[in-house]
Amino acid sequence: MHGVALVLALLGMACLPAVVAAVLCADELIDRFACAWGDWRDRWRRRRTIARLNRALALDPPAAAVDLTEFDRLAGPSIEQLAADLRRLGGQRLGVVSRSAVWQSAVREAYDDRLRRACRCLGIAEHLTDLDGVDRDIERVRIEGQLQAAGLSLPAATTGRRHRQR
């Protein structure tokens, strides 16, 4: 019995520095674990959001299935007029910083309305009404890219280089 107690005492003395170091560094270990957990959670949320957007966009019908005769019956501005409005509103939306928040909001809403109409004319899927905040900004950039790929020249969709119009 005394031999077991002696072995345990020696083992305790040998492990004492490691126990003291673990107690003194516990806050750092907990902080590292919390940061790793937060990073993992953020990555998981981003992947989940991207997966949801991919599922939502995959449900839209392809542009080839759109009945083009319907666009002839639409009452509203032509695609040329919409493109001119988008260029004008896009320049106002991006170039003005000193205007009031109400004015900027009105320009942004008018710009989004013209984006929706242009998408409807060209058969491009858009989700501007379903989103808000940063998600709406991302959707706006996606739509601008789609419209530019369809042949519209927009100031918001360019990368800072001037493009020649043909």
Protein backbone atom coordinates (compact mmCIF):
# COMPACT_ATOMS: atom_id res chain seq x y z
CA MET A 1 0.00 0.00 0.00
CA HIS A 2 2.83 2.40 0.85
CA GLY A 3 4.46 1.61 -2.51
CA VAL A 4 1.36 2.66 -4.46
CA ALA A 5 1.12 5.90 -2.49
CA LEU A 6 4.80 6.59 -3.15
CA VAL A 7 4.38 6.00 -6.92
CA LEU A 8 1.32 8.28 -7.01
CA ALA A 9 3.19 10.99 -5.10
CA LEU A 10 6.14 10.84 -7.50
CA LEU A 11 3.79 10.85 -10.50
CA GLY A 12 1.97 13.89 -9.05
CA MET A 13 5.26 15.73 -8.55
CA ALA A 14 6.35 14.94 -12.11
CA CYS A 15 3.03 16.17 -13.59
CA LEU A 16 2.75 19.26 -11.38
CA PRO A 17 4.53 21.63 -13.85
CA ALA A 18 2.23 20.51 -16.67
CA VAL A 19 -0.87 21.07 -14.52
CA VAL A 20 0.35 24.55 -13.49
CA ALA A 21 1.09 25.47 -17.12
CA ALA A 22 -2.36 24.25 -18.23
CA VAL A 23 -4.05 26.34 -15.53
CA LEU A 24 -2.04 29.44 -16.41
CA CYS A 25 -2.62 29.04 -20.17
CA ALA A 26 -6.27 27.95 -19.96
CA ASP A 27 -7.58 31.34 -21.08
CA GLU A 28 -5.45 31.22 -24.23
CA LEU A 29 -6.55 27.66 -25.00
CA ILE A 30 -10.18 28.63 -24.51
CA ASP A 31 -9.72 31.69 -26.72
CA ARG A 32 -8.13 29.60 -29.50
CA PHE A 33 -10.98 27.11 -29.30
CA ALA A 34 -13.60 29.89 -29.40
CA CYS A 35 -11.94 31.52 -32.45
CA ALA A 36 -11.69 28.20 -34.26
CA TRP A 37 -15.34 27.47 -33.45
CA GLY A 38 -16.42 30.93 -34.70
CA ASP A 39 -14.43 30.55 -37.93
CA TRP A 40 -15.96 27.12 -38.55
CA ARG A 41 -19.46 28.48 -37.88
CA ASP A 42 -18.93 31.41 -40.30
CA ARG A 43 -17.66 29.07 -43.03
CA TRP A 44 -20.63 26.76 -42.46
CA ARG A 45 -23.10 29.67 -42.69
CA ARG A 46 -21.51 30.92 -45.91
CA ARG A 47 -21.64 27.45 -47.46
CA ARG A 48 -25.28 27.07 -46.38
CA THR A 49 -26.21 30.47 -47.87
CA ILE A 50 -24.46 29.67 -51.15
CA ALA A 51 -26.18 26.28 -51.29
CA ARG A 52 -29.57 27.94 -50.73
CA LEU A 53 -28.90 30.50 -53.47
CA ASN A 54 -27.79 27.74 -55.83
CA ARG A 55 -30.98 25.78 -55.14
CA ALA A 56 -33.11 28.89 -55.63
CA LEU A 57 -31.43 29.76 -58.92
CA ALA A 58 -31.53 26.19 -60.21
CA LEU A 59 -35.35 26.18 -60.06
CA ASP A 60 -35.72 28.97 -62.59
CA PRO A 61 -36.69 27.95 -66.12
CA PRO A 62 -33.99 28.24 -68.76
CA ALA A 63 -34.10 31.31 -70.95
CA ALA A 64 -34.79 29.17 -74.03
CA ALA A 65 -38.20 28.19 -72.62
CA VAL A 66 -39.38 31.83 -72.53
CA ASP A 67 -42.12 32.71 -75.01
CA LEU A 68 -40.66 35.62 -76.99
CA THR A 69 -44.02 36.65 -78.47
CA GLU A 70 -45.09 37.72 -74.98
CA PHE A 71 -42.48 40.48 -75.01
CA ASP A 72 -44.10 42.03 -78.07
CA ARG A 73 -47.33 42.45 -76.10
CA LEU A 74 -45.71 44.00 -73.01
CA ALA A 75 -46.81 47.54 -72.38
CA GLY A 76 -43.83 49.54 -71.26
CA PRO A 77 -40.56 51.06 -72.35
CA SER A 78 -38.42 49.36 -74.97
CA ILE A 79 -35.16 47.65 -74.06
CA GLU A 80 -33.29 50.60 -75.55
CA GLN A 81 -35.12 53.00 -73.23
CA LEU A 82 -34.47 50.70 -70.25
CA ALA A 83 -30.76 50.55 -71.13
CA ALA A 84 -30.59 54.36 -71.29
CA ASP A 85 -32.40 54.63 -67.95
CA LEU A 86 -30.06 52.07 -66.38
CA ARG A 87 -26.99 53.95 -67.59
CA ARG A 88 -28.35 57.27 -66.30
CA LEU A 89 -29.52 55.89 -62.92
CA GLY A 90 -26.38 53.76 -62.55
CA GLY A 91 -24.19 56.82 -62.97
CA GLN A 92 -26.26 58.75 -60.45
CA ARG A 93 -26.26 55.81 -58.02
CA LEU A 94 -22.49 55.32 -58.14
CA GLY A 95 -21.28 58.88 -58.54
CA VAL A 96 -23.10 60.84 -55.85
CA VAL A 97 -21.99 60.77 -52.24
CA SER A 98 -23.17 64.14 -50.94
CA ARG A 99 -26.88 63.60 -51.65
CA SER A 100 -29.38 62.80 -48.91
CA ALA A 101 -30.16 59.23 -47.90
CA VAL A 102 -33.74 59.61 -49.14
CA TRP A 103 -32.54 60.68 -52.58
CA GLN A 104 -30.03 57.82 -52.76
CA SER A 105 -32.72 55.34 -51.72
CA ALA A 106 -35.10 56.65 -54.40
CA VAL A 107 -32.41 56.35 -57.10
CA ARG A 108 -31.56 52.82 -55.91
CA GLU A 109 -35.24 51.78 -56.04
CA ALA A 110 -35.68 53.27 -59.52
CA TYR A 111 -32.50 51.51 -60.66
CA ASP A 112 -33.74 48.17 -59.24
CA ASP A 113 -37.09 48.67 -60.98
CA ARG A 114 -35.35 49.20 -64.34
CA LEU A 115 -33.15 46.15 -63.67
CA ARG A 116 -36.26 44.02 -63.05
CA ARG A 117 -37.90 45.28 -66.26
CA ALA A 118 -34.77 44.67 -68.32
CA CYS A 119 -34.47 41.16 -66.89
CA ARG A 120 -38.10 40.49 -67.75
CA CYS A 121 -37.52 41.69 -71.32
CA LEU A 122 -34.44 39.52 -71.79
CA GLY A 123 -35.66 36.46 -69.88
CA ILE A 124 -33.05 36.70 -67.13
CA ALA A 125 -33.99 35.37 -63.68
CA GLU A 126 -33.75 37.95 -60.89
CA HIS A 127 -34.51 37.90 -57.17
CA LEU A 128 -34.26 41.57 -56.16
CA THR A 129 -37.67 41.67 -54.48
CA ASP A 130 -36.83 38.63 -52.32
CA LEU A 131 -33.56 39.99 -50.94
CA ASP A 132 -32.36 42.96 -48.91
CA GLY A 133 -29.12 44.40 -47.59
CA VAL A 134 -25.84 42.91 -48.80
CA ASP A 135 -27.64 39.99 -50.45
CA ARG A 136 -29.58 42.46 -52.61
CA ASP A 137 -26.34 44.24 -53.54
CA ILE A 138 -24.79 40.92 -54.57
CA GLU A 139 -27.88 40.03 -56.62
CA ARG A 140 -27.73 43.48 -58.26
CA VAL A 141 -24.10 42.89 -59.29
CA ARG A 142 -25.01 39.43 -60.64
CA ILE A 143 -27.87 40.87 -62.69
CA GLU A 144 -25.68 43.69 -64.02
CA GLY A 145 -23.19 41.08 -65.20
CA GLN A 146 -25.94 39.05 -66.87
CA LEU A 147 -27.30 42.14 -68.60
CA GLN A 148 -23.83 43.13 -69.74
CA ALA A 149 -23.31 39.61 -71.08
CA ALA A 150 -26.62 40.02 -72.97
CA GLY A 151 -25.24 43.14 -74.65
CA LEU A 152 -26.28 46.07 -72.44
CA SER A 153 -23.59 48.56 -71.46
CA LEU A 154 -23.97 49.55 -67.81
CA PRO A 155 -21.63 51.76 -65.76
CA ALA A 156 -22.08 49.60 -62.66
CA ALA A 157 -21.12 46.42 -64.48
CA THR A 158 -17.82 47.72 -65.85
CA THR A 159 -14.50 47.24 -64.11
CA GLY A 160 -13.33 50.81 -64.41
CA ARG A 161 -12.12 50.48 -68.00
CA ARG A 162 -14.05 52.28 -70.68
CA HIS A 163 -15.60 50.02 -73.29
CA ARG A 164 -16.24 51.05 -76.85
CA GLN A 165 -19.83 50.70 -77.93
CA ARG A 166 -20.31 49.16 -81.35
